[in-house]
PDB file of N, CA and C in Angstrom:
ATOM      1  N   MET A   1     -52.675  22.594  16.653  1.00  0.00           N
ATOM      2  CA  MET A   1     -51.884  22.546  17.860  1.00  0.00           C
ATOM      3  C   MET A   1     -52.478  21.519  18.809  1.00  0.00           C
ATOM      4  N   GLY A   2     -51.624  21.008  19.671  1.00  0.00           N
ATOM      5  CA  GLY A   2     -52.092  20.037  20.633  1.00  0.00           C
ATOM      6  C   GLY A   2     -51.015  19.731  21.654  1.00  0.00           C
ATOM      7  N   TYR A   3     -51.281  18.722  22.458  1.00  0.00           N
ATOM      8  CA  TYR A   3     -50.372  18.317  23.523  1.00  0.00           C
ATOM      9  C   TYR A   3     -50.260  16.802  23.533  1.00  0.00           C
ATOM     10  N   TRP A   4     -49.055  16.322  23.850  1.00  0.00           N
ATOM     11  CA  TRP A   4     -48.841  14.891  24.001  1.00  0.00           C
ATOM     12  C   TRP A   4     -49.270  14.445  25.391  1.00  0.00           C
ATOM     13  N   ALA A   5     -49.879  13.282  25.436  1.00  0.00           N
ATOM     14  CA  ALA A   5     -50.255  12.653  26.701  1.00  0.00           C
ATOM     15  C   ALA A   5     -49.494  11.341  26.835  1.00  0.00           C
ATOM     16  N   VAL A   6     -49.131  11.017  28.052  1.00  0.00           N
ATOM     17  CA  VAL A   6     -48.469   9.752  28.354  1.00  0.00           C
ATOM     18  C   VAL A   6     -49.515   8.858  29.018  1.00  0.00           C
ATOM     19  N   VAL A   7     -49.752   7.697  28.421  1.00  0.00           N
ATOM     20  CA  VAL A   7     -50.731   6.751  28.957  1.00  0.00           C
ATOM     21  C   VAL A   7     -49.972   5.588  29.584  1.00  0.00           C
ATOM     22  N   GLU A   8     -50.313   5.300  30.824  1.00  0.00           N
ATOM     23  CA  GLU A   8     -49.686   4.193  31.543  1.00  0.00           C
ATOM     24  C   GLU A   8     -50.719   3.115  31.831  1.00  0.00           C
ATOM     25  N   LYS A   9     -50.285   1.876  31.740  1.00  0.00           N
ATOM     26  CA  LYS A   9     -51.135   0.742  32.090  1.00  0.00           C
ATOM     27  C   LYS A   9     -50.909   0.440  33.559  1.00  0.00           C
ATOM     28  N   ARG A  10     -51.991   0.398  34.306  1.00  0.00           N
ATOM     29  CA  ARG A  10     -51.914   0.090  35.740  1.00  0.00           C
ATOM     30  C   ARG A  10     -52.753  -1.157  36.010  1.00  0.00           C
ATOM     31  N   ASP A  11     -52.694  -1.633  37.233  1.00  0.00           N
ATOM     32  CA  ASP A  11     -53.423  -2.852  37.600  1.00  0.00           C
ATOM     33  C   ASP A  11     -54.917  -2.755  37.328  1.00  0.00           C
ATOM     34  N   LYS A  12     -55.494  -1.611  37.625  1.00  0.00           N
ATOM     35  CA  LYS A  12     -56.951  -1.470  37.525  1.00  0.00           C
ATOM     36  C   LYS A  12     -57.373  -0.646  36.316  1.00  0.00           C
ATOM     37  N   GLY A  13     -56.522  -0.521  35.311  1.00  0.00           N
ATOM     38  CA  GLY A  13     -56.909   0.236  34.125  1.00  0.00           C
ATOM     39  C   GLY A  13     -55.779   1.102  33.617  1.00  0.00           C
ATOM     40  N   PHE A  14     -56.141   2.278  33.142  1.00  0.00           N
ATOM     41  CA  PHE A  14     -55.188   3.189  32.526  1.00  0.00           C
ATOM     42  C   PHE A  14     -55.171   4.528  33.253  1.00  0.00           C
ATOM     43  N   TYR A  15     -54.020   5.153  33.209  1.00  0.00           N
ATOM     44  CA  TYR A  15     -53.799   6.460  33.815  1.00  0.00           C
ATOM     45  C   TYR A  15     -53.096   7.292  32.744  1.00  0.00           C
ATOM     46  N   ALA A  16     -53.530   8.530  32.542  1.00  0.00           N
ATOM     47  CA  ALA A  16     -52.901   9.380  31.529  1.00  0.00           C
ATOM     48  C   ALA A  16     -52.704  10.785  32.072  1.00  0.00           C
ATOM     49  N   ARG A  17     -51.613  11.404  31.599  1.00  0.00           N
ATOM     50  CA  ARG A  17     -51.305  12.769  32.029  1.00  0.00           C
ATOM     51  C   ARG A  17     -50.649  13.509  30.878  1.00  0.00           C
ATOM     52  N   PHE A  18     -50.689  14.824  30.957  1.00  0.00           N
ATOM     53  CA  PHE A  18     -50.016  15.690  30.002  1.00  0.00           C
ATOM     54  C   PHE A  18     -48.740  16.209  30.664  1.00  0.00           C
ATOM     55  N   PRO A  19     -47.554  15.837  30.184  1.00  0.00           N
ATOM     56  CA  PRO A  19     -46.318  16.315  30.808  1.00  0.00           C
ATOM     57  C   PRO A  19     -46.183  17.843  30.818  1.00  0.00           C
ATOM     58  N   ASP A  20     -46.800  18.524  29.869  1.00  0.00           N
ATOM     59  CA  ASP A  20     -46.694  19.979  29.786  1.00  0.00           C
ATOM     60  C   ASP A  20     -47.742  20.719  30.617  1.00  0.00           C
ATOM     61  N   ILE A  21     -48.673  19.976  31.208  1.00  0.00           N
ATOM     62  CA  ILE A  21     -49.747  20.612  31.981  1.00  0.00           C
ATOM     63  C   ILE A  21     -49.814  19.948  33.351  1.00  0.00           C
ATOM     64  N   ALA A  22     -49.405  20.681  34.349  1.00  0.00           N
ATOM     65  CA  ALA A  22     -49.403  20.145  35.708  1.00  0.00           C
ATOM     66  C   ALA A  22     -50.826  19.881  36.204  1.00  0.00           C
ATOM     67  N   ASP A  23     -50.984  18.815  36.930  1.00  0.00           N
ATOM     68  CA  ASP A  23     -52.249  18.481  37.608  1.00  0.00           C
ATOM     69  C   ASP A  23     -53.412  18.165  36.675  1.00  0.00           C
ATOM     70  N   LEU A  24     -53.141  17.815  35.434  1.00  0.00           N
ATOM     71  CA  LEU A  24     -54.225  17.415  34.528  1.00  0.00           C
ATOM     72  C   LEU A  24     -53.996  15.943  34.177  1.00  0.00           C
ATOM     73  N   GLU A  25     -54.812  15.083  34.797  1.00  0.00           N
ATOM     74  CA  GLU A  25     -54.679  13.650  34.587  1.00  0.00           C
ATOM     75  C   GLU A  25     -56.048  13.000  34.582  1.00  0.00           C
ATOM     76  N   VAL A  26     -56.137  11.857  33.928  1.00  0.00           N
ATOM     77  CA  VAL A  26     -57.392  11.108  33.867  1.00  0.00           C
ATOM     78  C   VAL A  26     -57.101   9.633  34.107  1.00  0.00           C
ATOM     79  N   ARG A  27     -58.128   8.921  34.533  1.00  0.00           N
ATOM     80  CA  ARG A  27     -58.029   7.480  34.780  1.00  0.00           C
ATOM     81  C   ARG A  27     -59.275   6.803  34.229  1.00  0.00           C
ATOM     82  N   SER A  28     -59.079   5.585  33.738  1.00  0.00           N
ATOM     83  CA  SER A  28     -60.206   4.824  33.216  1.00  0.00           C
ATOM     84  C   SER A  28     -59.819   3.352  33.113  1.00  0.00           C
ATOM     85  N   LYS A  29     -60.826   2.523  32.940  1.00  0.00           N
ATOM     86  CA  LYS A  29     -60.574   1.095  32.784  1.00  0.00           C
ATOM     87  C   LYS A  29     -60.257   0.713  31.339  1.00  0.00           C
ATOM     88  N   THR A  30     -60.613   1.594  30.372  1.00  0.00           N
ATOM     89  CA  THR A  30     -60.377   1.266  28.965  1.00  0.00           C
ATOM     90  C   THR A  30     -59.577   2.370  28.272  1.00  0.00           C
ATOM     91  N   ILE A  31     -58.821   1.970  27.261  1.00  0.00           N
ATOM     92  CA  ILE A  31     -58.040   2.942  26.498  1.00  0.00           C
ATOM     93  C   ILE A  31     -58.957   3.840  25.666  1.00  0.00           C
ATOM     94  N   GLU A  32     -60.075   3.311  25.211  1.00  0.00           N
ATOM     95  CA  GLU A  32     -61.023   4.111  24.432  1.00  0.00           C
ATOM     96  C   GLU A  32     -61.563   5.269  25.260  1.00  0.00           C
ATOM     97  N   GLU A  33     -61.912   4.984  26.503  1.00  0.00           N
ATOM     98  CA  GLU A  33     -62.434   6.023  27.377  1.00  0.00           C
ATOM     99  C   GLU A  33     -61.339   7.030  27.759  1.00  0.00           C
ATOM    100  N   ILE A  34     -60.113   6.549  27.903  1.00  0.00           N
ATOM    101  CA  ILE A  34     -58.993   7.462  28.202  1.00  0.00           C
ATOM    102  C   ILE A  34     -58.877   8.509  27.100  1.00  0.00           C
ATOM    103  N   LYS A  35     -58.989   8.090  25.845  1.00  0.00           N
ATOM    104  CA  LYS A  35     -58.876   9.032  24.720  1.00  0.00           C
ATOM    105  C   LYS A  35     -59.954  10.100  24.790  1.00  0.00           C
ATOM    106  N   VAL A  36     -61.173   9.704  25.105  1.00  0.00           N
ATOM    107  CA  VAL A  36     -62.283  10.651  25.222  1.00  0.00           C
ATOM    108  C   VAL A  36     -62.057  11.596  26.402  1.00  0.00           C
ATOM    109  N   LEU A  37     -61.676  11.038  27.535  1.00  0.00           N
ATOM    110  CA  LEU A  37     -61.460  11.851  28.730  1.00  0.00           C
ATOM    111  C   LEU A  37     -60.307  12.837  28.556  1.00  0.00           C
ATOM    112  N   LEU A  38     -59.250  12.429  27.863  1.00  0.00           N
ATOM    113  CA  LEU A  38     -58.130  13.336  27.611  1.00  0.00           C
ATOM    114  C   LEU A  38     -58.586  14.539  26.789  1.00  0.00           C
ATOM    115  N   LYS A  39     -59.318  14.281  25.727  1.00  0.00           N
ATOM    116  CA  LYS A  39     -59.785  15.367  24.860  1.00  0.00           C
ATOM    117  C   LYS A  39     -60.714  16.301  25.623  1.00  0.00           C
ATOM    118  N   GLU A  40     -61.660  15.738  26.376  1.00  0.00           N
ATOM    119  CA  GLU A  40     -62.609  16.554  27.149  1.00  0.00           C
ATOM    120  C   GLU A  40     -61.897  17.373  28.221  1.00  0.00           C
ATOM    121  N   SER A  41     -60.998  16.738  28.965  1.00  0.00           N
ATOM    122  CA  SER A  41     -60.337  17.452  30.052  1.00  0.00           C
ATOM    123  C   SER A  41     -59.413  18.544  29.514  1.00  0.00           C
ATOM    124  N   LEU A  42     -58.737  18.286  28.412  1.00  0.00           N
ATOM    125  CA  LEU A  42     -57.880  19.311  27.814  1.00  0.00           C
ATOM    126  C   LEU A  42     -58.708  20.486  27.327  1.00  0.00           C
ATOM    127  N   SER A  43     -59.815  20.205  26.686  1.00  0.00           N
ATOM    128  CA  SER A  43     -60.694  21.271  26.197  1.00  0.00           C
ATOM    129  C   SER A  43     -61.212  22.130  27.346  1.00  0.00           C
ATOM    130  N   GLU A  44     -61.680  21.491  28.402  1.00  0.00           N
ATOM    131  CA  GLU A  44     -62.193  22.229  29.565  1.00  0.00           C
ATOM    132  C   GLU A  44     -61.093  23.050  30.230  1.00  0.00           C
ATOM    133  N   TYR A  45     -59.912  22.493  30.331  1.00  0.00           N
ATOM    134  CA  TYR A  45     -58.798  23.194  30.952  1.00  0.00           C
ATOM    135  C   TYR A  45     -58.429  24.446  30.149  1.00  0.00           C
ATOM    136  N   LEU A  46     -58.316  24.303  28.833  1.00  0.00           N
ATOM    137  CA  LEU A  46     -57.945  25.451  27.994  1.00  0.00           C
ATOM    138  C   LEU A  46     -59.040  26.518  27.993  1.00  0.00           C
ATOM    139  N   GLN A  47     -60.294  26.102  28.031  1.00  0.00           N
ATOM    140  CA  GLN A  47     -61.399  27.066  28.121  1.00  0.00           C
ATOM    141  C   GLN A  47     -61.327  27.843  29.423  1.00  0.00           C
ATOM    142  N   SER A  48     -60.990  27.162  30.511  1.00  0.00           N
ATOM    143  CA  SER A  48     -60.894  27.863  31.798  1.00  0.00           C
ATOM    144  C   SER A  48     -59.745  28.866  31.779  1.00  0.00           C
ATOM    145  N   LEU A  49     -58.655  28.548  31.106  1.00  0.00           N
ATOM    146  CA  LEU A  49     -57.553  29.501  30.972  1.00  0.00           C
ATOM    147  C   LEU A  49     -57.983  30.730  30.177  1.00  0.00           C
ATOM    148  N   ASN A  50     -58.721  30.488  29.098  1.00  0.00           N
ATOM    149  CA  ASN A  50     -59.184  31.604  28.262  1.00  0.00           C
ATOM    150  C   ASN A  50     -60.105  32.548  29.024  1.00  0.00           C
ATOM    151  N   LYS A  51     -60.931  31.996  29.897  1.00  0.00           N
ATOM    152  CA  LYS A  51     -61.864  32.821  30.668  1.00  0.00           C
ATOM    153  C   LYS A  51     -61.144  33.714  31.666  1.00  0.00           C
ATOM    154  N   THR A  52     -59.979  33.287  32.111  1.00  0.00           N
ATOM    155  CA  THR A  52     -59.241  34.070  33.097  1.00  0.00           C
ATOM    156  C   THR A  52     -58.064  34.818  32.474  1.00  0.00           C
ATOM    157  N   ASP A  53     -57.976  34.795  31.154  1.00  0.00           N
ATOM    158  CA  ASP A  53     -56.903  35.470  30.413  1.00  0.00           C
ATOM    159  C   ASP A  53     -55.508  34.973  30.776  1.00  0.00           C
ATOM    160  N   ARG A  54     -55.418  33.751  31.249  1.00  0.00           N
ATOM    161  CA  ARG A  54     -54.099  33.164  31.509  1.00  0.00           C
ATOM    162  C   ARG A  54     -53.592  32.528  30.210  1.00  0.00           C
ATOM    163  N   PRO A  55     -52.290  32.544  29.992  1.00  0.00           N
ATOM    164  CA  PRO A  55     -51.752  31.974  28.748  1.00  0.00           C
ATOM    165  C   PRO A  55     -51.827  30.446  28.738  1.00  0.00           C
ATOM    166  N   GLN A  56     -51.932  29.900  27.554  1.00  0.00           N
ATOM    167  CA  GLN A  56     -51.917  28.451  27.419  1.00  0.00           C
ATOM    168  C   GLN A  56     -50.497  27.944  27.641  1.00  0.00           C
ATOM    169  N   PRO A  57     -50.369  26.740  28.204  1.00  0.00           N
ATOM    170  CA  PRO A  57     -49.031  26.192  28.418  1.00  0.00           C
ATOM    171  C   PRO A  57     -48.319  25.940  27.083  1.00  0.00           C
ATOM    172  N   ILE A  58     -47.027  26.098  27.101  1.00  0.00           N
ATOM    173  CA  ILE A  58     -46.231  25.836  25.907  1.00  0.00           C
ATOM    174  C   ILE A  58     -45.969  24.339  25.826  1.00  0.00           C
ATOM    175  N   ALA A  59     -46.186  23.785  24.649  1.00  0.00           N
ATOM    176  CA  ALA A  59     -45.993  22.349  24.446  1.00  0.00           C
ATOM    177  C   ALA A  59     -44.521  22.066  24.171  1.00  0.00           C
ATOM    178  N   HIS A  60     -43.861  21.453  25.139  1.00  0.00           N
ATOM    179  CA  HIS A  60     -42.446  21.100  25.002  1.00  0.00           C
ATOM    180  C   HIS A  60     -42.248  19.602  24.778  1.00  0.00           C
ATOM    181  N   PHE A  61     -43.078  18.796  25.429  1.00  0.00           N
ATOM    182  CA  PHE A  61     -42.880  17.346  25.399  1.00  0.00           C
ATOM    183  C   PHE A  61     -43.178  16.789  24.006  1.00  0.00           C
ATOM    184  N   ASN A  62     -42.267  15.977  23.506  1.00  0.00           N
ATOM    185  CA  ASN A  62     -42.446  15.294  22.229  1.00  0.00           C
ATOM    186  C   ASN A  62     -41.796  13.921  22.361  1.00  0.00           C
ATOM    187  N   PRO A  63     -42.587  12.861  22.406  1.00  0.00           N
ATOM    188  CA  PRO A  63     -42.011  11.538  22.658  1.00  0.00           C
ATOM    189  C   PRO A  63     -41.055  11.073  21.566  1.00  0.00           C
ATOM    190  N   THR A  64     -41.197  11.551  20.344  1.00  0.00           N
ATOM    191  CA  THR A  64     -40.289  11.119  19.290  1.00  0.00           C
ATOM    192  C   THR A  64     -38.888  11.675  19.510  1.00  0.00           C
ATOM    193  N   VAL A  65     -38.789  12.769  20.221  1.00  0.00           N
ATOM    194  CA  VAL A  65     -37.489  13.363  20.522  1.00  0.00           C
ATOM    195  C   VAL A  65     -36.974  12.878  21.872  1.00  0.00           C
ATOM    196  N   GLN A  66     -37.847  12.846  22.866  1.00  0.00           N
ATOM    197  CA  GLN A  66     -37.430  12.582  24.236  1.00  0.00           C
ATOM    198  C   GLN A  66     -37.385  11.113  24.611  1.00  0.00           C
ATOM    199  N   THR A  67     -37.809  10.239  23.729  1.00  0.00           N
ATOM    200  CA  THR A  67     -37.789   8.813  24.048  1.00  0.00           C
ATOM    201  C   THR A  67     -37.079   8.019  22.955  1.00  0.00           C
ATOM    202  N   THR A  68     -36.049   8.584  22.378  1.00  0.00           N
ATOM    203  CA  THR A  68     -35.325   7.878  21.322  1.00  0.00           C
ATOM    204  C   THR A  68     -34.597   6.650  21.854  1.00  0.00           C
ATOM    205  N   ASN A  69     -34.323   6.635  23.131  1.00  0.00           N
ATOM    206  CA  ASN A  69     -33.689   5.481  23.755  1.00  0.00           C
ATOM    207  C   ASN A  69     -34.761   4.676  24.493  1.00  0.00           C
ATOM    208  N   PRO A  70     -35.129   3.500  23.973  1.00  0.00           N
ATOM    209  CA  PRO A  70     -36.198   2.711  24.611  1.00  0.00           C
ATOM    210  C   PRO A  70     -35.928   2.386  26.076  1.00  0.00           C
ATOM    211  N   LYS A  71     -34.672   2.360  26.488  1.00  0.00           N
ATOM    212  CA  LYS A  71     -34.355   2.062  27.878  1.00  0.00           C
ATOM    213  C   LYS A  71     -34.783   3.188  28.816  1.00  0.00           C
ATOM    214  N   LYS A  72     -35.026   4.380  28.274  1.00  0.00           N
ATOM    215  CA  LYS A  72     -35.433   5.515  29.098  1.00  0.00           C
ATOM    216  C   LYS A  72     -36.948   5.602  29.277  1.00  0.00           C
ATOM    217  N   ILE A  73     -37.698   4.786  28.561  1.00  0.00           N
ATOM    218  CA  ILE A  73     -39.156   4.780  28.684  1.00  0.00           C
ATOM    219  C   ILE A  73     -39.532   3.887  29.862  1.00  0.00           C
ATOM    220  N   PRO A  74     -40.241   4.427  30.851  1.00  0.00           N
ATOM    221  CA  PRO A  74     -40.648   3.599  31.993  1.00  0.00           C
ATOM    222  C   PRO A  74     -41.451   2.379  31.525  1.00  0.00           C
ATOM    223  N   PRO A  75     -41.308   1.245  32.182  1.00  0.00           N
ATOM    224  CA  PRO A  75     -41.961   0.013  31.717  1.00  0.00           C
ATOM    225  C   PRO A  75     -43.487   0.060  31.733  1.00  0.00           C
ATOM    226  N   ASN A  76     -44.087   0.919  32.536  1.00  0.00           N
ATOM    227  CA  ASN A  76     -45.551   0.961  32.593  1.00  0.00           C
ATOM    228  C   ASN A  76     -46.161   1.881  31.540  1.00  0.00           C
ATOM    229  N   VAL A  77     -45.337   2.570  30.717  1.00  0.00           N
ATOM    230  CA  VAL A  77     -45.900   3.424  29.661  1.00  0.00           C
ATOM    231  C   VAL A  77     -46.500   2.527  28.589  1.00  0.00           C
ATOM    232  N   PHE A  78     -47.759   2.757  28.312  1.00  0.00           N
ATOM    233  CA  PHE A  78     -48.504   1.952  27.354  1.00  0.00           C
ATOM    234  C   PHE A  78     -48.484   2.588  25.966  1.00  0.00           C
ATOM    235  N   GLU A  79     -48.648   3.928  25.947  1.00  0.00           N
ATOM    236  CA  GLU A  79     -48.801   4.609  24.667  1.00  0.00           C
ATOM    237  C   GLU A  79     -48.611   6.117  24.860  1.00  0.00           C
ATOM    238  N   PHE A  80     -48.231   6.782  23.785  1.00  0.00           N
ATOM    239  CA  PHE A  80     -48.205   8.242  23.740  1.00  0.00           C
ATOM    240  C   PHE A  80     -49.313   8.669  22.784  1.00  0.00           C
ATOM    241  N   LEU A  81     -50.145   9.602  23.223  1.00  0.00           N
ATOM    242  CA  LEU A  81     -51.247  10.085  22.380  1.00  0.00           C
ATOM    243  C   LEU A  81     -51.119  11.580  22.172  1.00  0.00           C
ATOM    244  N   TYR A  82     -51.316  12.014  20.921  1.00  0.00           N
ATOM    245  CA  TYR A  82     -51.328  13.427  20.621  1.00  0.00           C
ATOM    246  C   TYR A  82     -52.772  13.897  20.612  1.00  0.00           C
ATOM    247  N   ILE A  83     -53.112  14.785  21.516  1.00  0.00           N
ATOM    248  CA  ILE A  83     -54.477  15.291  21.631  1.00  0.00           C
ATOM    249  C   ILE A  83     -54.513  16.706  21.048  1.00  0.00           C
ATOM    250  N   GLU A  84     -55.241  16.859  19.966  1.00  0.00           N
ATOM    251  CA  GLU A  84     -55.304  18.159  19.306  1.00  0.00           C
ATOM    252  C   GLU A  84     -56.320  19.062  19.965  1.00  0.00           C
ATOM    253  N   THR A  85     -55.995  20.357  19.963  1.00  0.00           N
ATOM    254  CA  THR A  85     -56.913  21.356  20.484  1.00  0.00           C
ATOM    255  C   THR A  85     -57.671  21.969  19.329  1.00  0.00           C
ATOM    256  N   GLU A  86     -58.770  22.584  19.641  1.00  0.00           N
ATOM    257  CA  GLU A  86     -59.606  23.178  18.581  1.00  0.00           C
ATOM    258  C   GLU A  86     -59.273  24.636  18.374  1.00  0.00           C
TER     259      GLU A  86
END
């Protein structure tokens, strides 16, 4: 299981967020670091949910389904990454 992240290219680097998880975003100057930060932040977030017995968010976003029309993809989207959970 995992969650899709949307990575955007910005002037000063990259910005990434999980559409299915509110308020979980990371920023970095390199795409390599974004991948590491996404995995770490997702892991920490899910661990914090487990400690408080809150349910994990349901993964609804899927770019292969929701972005079939290239005109609907915002121009600053750089990549979609699937981040797996443990």
